[in-house]
Structures are given as C-alpha cells and as structure tokens.
Amino acid sequence: MCLAIPGKVKKIFNDNTAEIEIGGIVKRASLDLIPQVVVGDYVLLHAGFAIEVIDQEKALEISKAWEGNID
C-alpha cells in the first residue's frame, strides 16, 4: 500500500527538486515525475517524490483525513 501526503510547492530549484510545505514543515522533494509543476501548485508526495499535481480543495480534503477530521 502506498501513502501520499499533500503539500504546497514553495520554491523550485535548478536540479529539478522543490521545497514543499506540508503542515507547516518544509521538505525537499524530487520533481522528476511531474516536471510541469510551478510554485504554488499542490502535489502529492511519496518517498521523496512529487507524484501528482492536485487542486487546493483536494489537498485540504486529504489533509483533513490525515488529521482525522473527516466530515
């Protein structure tokens, strides 16, 4: 089973990595699988890779589920 965490792209570097904010924590991740990402996009992270671009609404929905706040 794979788990992916939503985060917001804060900065993109020349080596095709990005700083991604996840619940107030900033992590660096590879953009090799989705190079079309731009600053401000929301992405799903798995094992150090951004694997999918998602919209803000979906990111918030997933974050709520992680926190156990499902309506």
Protein backbone atom coordinates (compact mmCIF):
# COMPACT_ATOMS: atom_id res chain seq x y z
CA MET A 1 0.00 0.00 0.00
CA CYS A 2 1.26 3.48 -0.86
CA LEU A 3 0.60 6.60 1.15
CA ALA A 4 0.95 10.06 -0.35
CA ILE A 5 0.87 13.34 1.55
CA PRO A 6 -0.35 16.63 0.07
CA GLY A 7 1.91 19.66 0.12
CA LYS A 8 2.31 23.08 -1.50
CA VAL A 9 5.29 23.88 -3.73
CA LYS A 10 7.12 26.87 -2.23
CA LYS A 11 10.32 27.02 -4.30
CA ILE A 12 11.77 25.16 -7.30
CA PHE A 13 15.50 24.57 -7.73
CA ASN A 14 17.56 24.05 -10.91
CA ASP A 15 18.22 20.40 -10.03
CA ASN A 16 14.51 19.58 -10.53
CA THR A 17 13.75 19.48 -6.82
CA ALA A 18 11.45 21.69 -4.80
CA GLU A 19 10.77 22.89 -1.30
CA ILE A 20 7.31 21.64 -0.41
CA GLU A 21 5.36 22.72 2.66
CA ILE A 22 3.46 20.02 4.48
CA GLY A 23 1.51 21.20 7.51
CA GLY A 24 3.97 23.97 8.27
CA ILE A 25 7.07 21.79 7.71
CA VAL A 26 9.20 22.32 4.59
CA LYS A 27 10.72 19.27 2.89
CA ARG A 28 12.75 18.94 -0.30
CA ALA A 29 11.43 16.52 -2.93
CA SER A 30 12.15 15.46 -6.49
CA LEU A 31 10.01 16.76 -9.36
CA ASP A 32 11.34 14.18 -11.84
CA LEU A 33 7.91 12.52 -12.22
CA ILE A 34 5.96 15.76 -12.78
CA PRO A 35 8.34 18.39 -14.20
CA GLN A 36 5.46 20.71 -15.20
CA VAL A 37 4.96 21.79 -11.57
CA VAL A 38 5.09 25.51 -10.75
CA VAL A 39 5.42 27.38 -7.46
CA GLY A 40 2.03 27.46 -5.73
CA ASP A 41 0.87 24.08 -7.06
CA TYR A 42 -0.32 21.42 -4.64
CA VAL A 43 1.23 17.99 -5.10
CA LEU A 44 1.08 14.54 -3.58
CA LEU A 45 4.40 13.38 -2.11
CA HIS A 46 5.54 9.80 -1.78
CA ALA A 47 9.01 8.55 -0.84
CA GLY A 48 10.72 11.85 -1.65
CA PHE A 49 8.98 12.34 -5.00
CA ALA A 50 6.14 14.61 -6.04
CA ILE A 51 3.92 12.13 -7.89
CA GLU A 52 0.80 14.09 -8.88
CA VAL A 53 -0.45 17.67 -9.12
CA ILE A 54 -3.76 18.17 -7.28
CA ASP A 55 -6.01 21.16 -6.67
CA GLN A 56 -6.17 23.02 -3.36
CA GLU A 57 -9.59 21.60 -2.48
CA LYS A 58 -8.34 18.02 -2.84
CA ALA A 59 -5.19 18.85 -0.83
CA LEU A 60 -7.30 20.22 2.04
CA GLU A 61 -9.64 17.22 1.92
CA ILE A 62 -6.72 14.80 2.17
CA SER A 63 -5.08 16.83 4.95
CA LYS A 64 -8.31 16.72 6.96
CA ALA A 65 -8.46 12.95 6.53
CA TRP A 66 -4.85 12.61 7.76
CA GLU A 67 -5.78 14.64 10.82
CA GLY A 68 -8.88 12.51 11.42
CA ASN A 69 -11.28 15.38 10.68
CA ILE A 70 -13.45 13.70 8.07
CA ASP A 71 -16.99 15.11 7.76
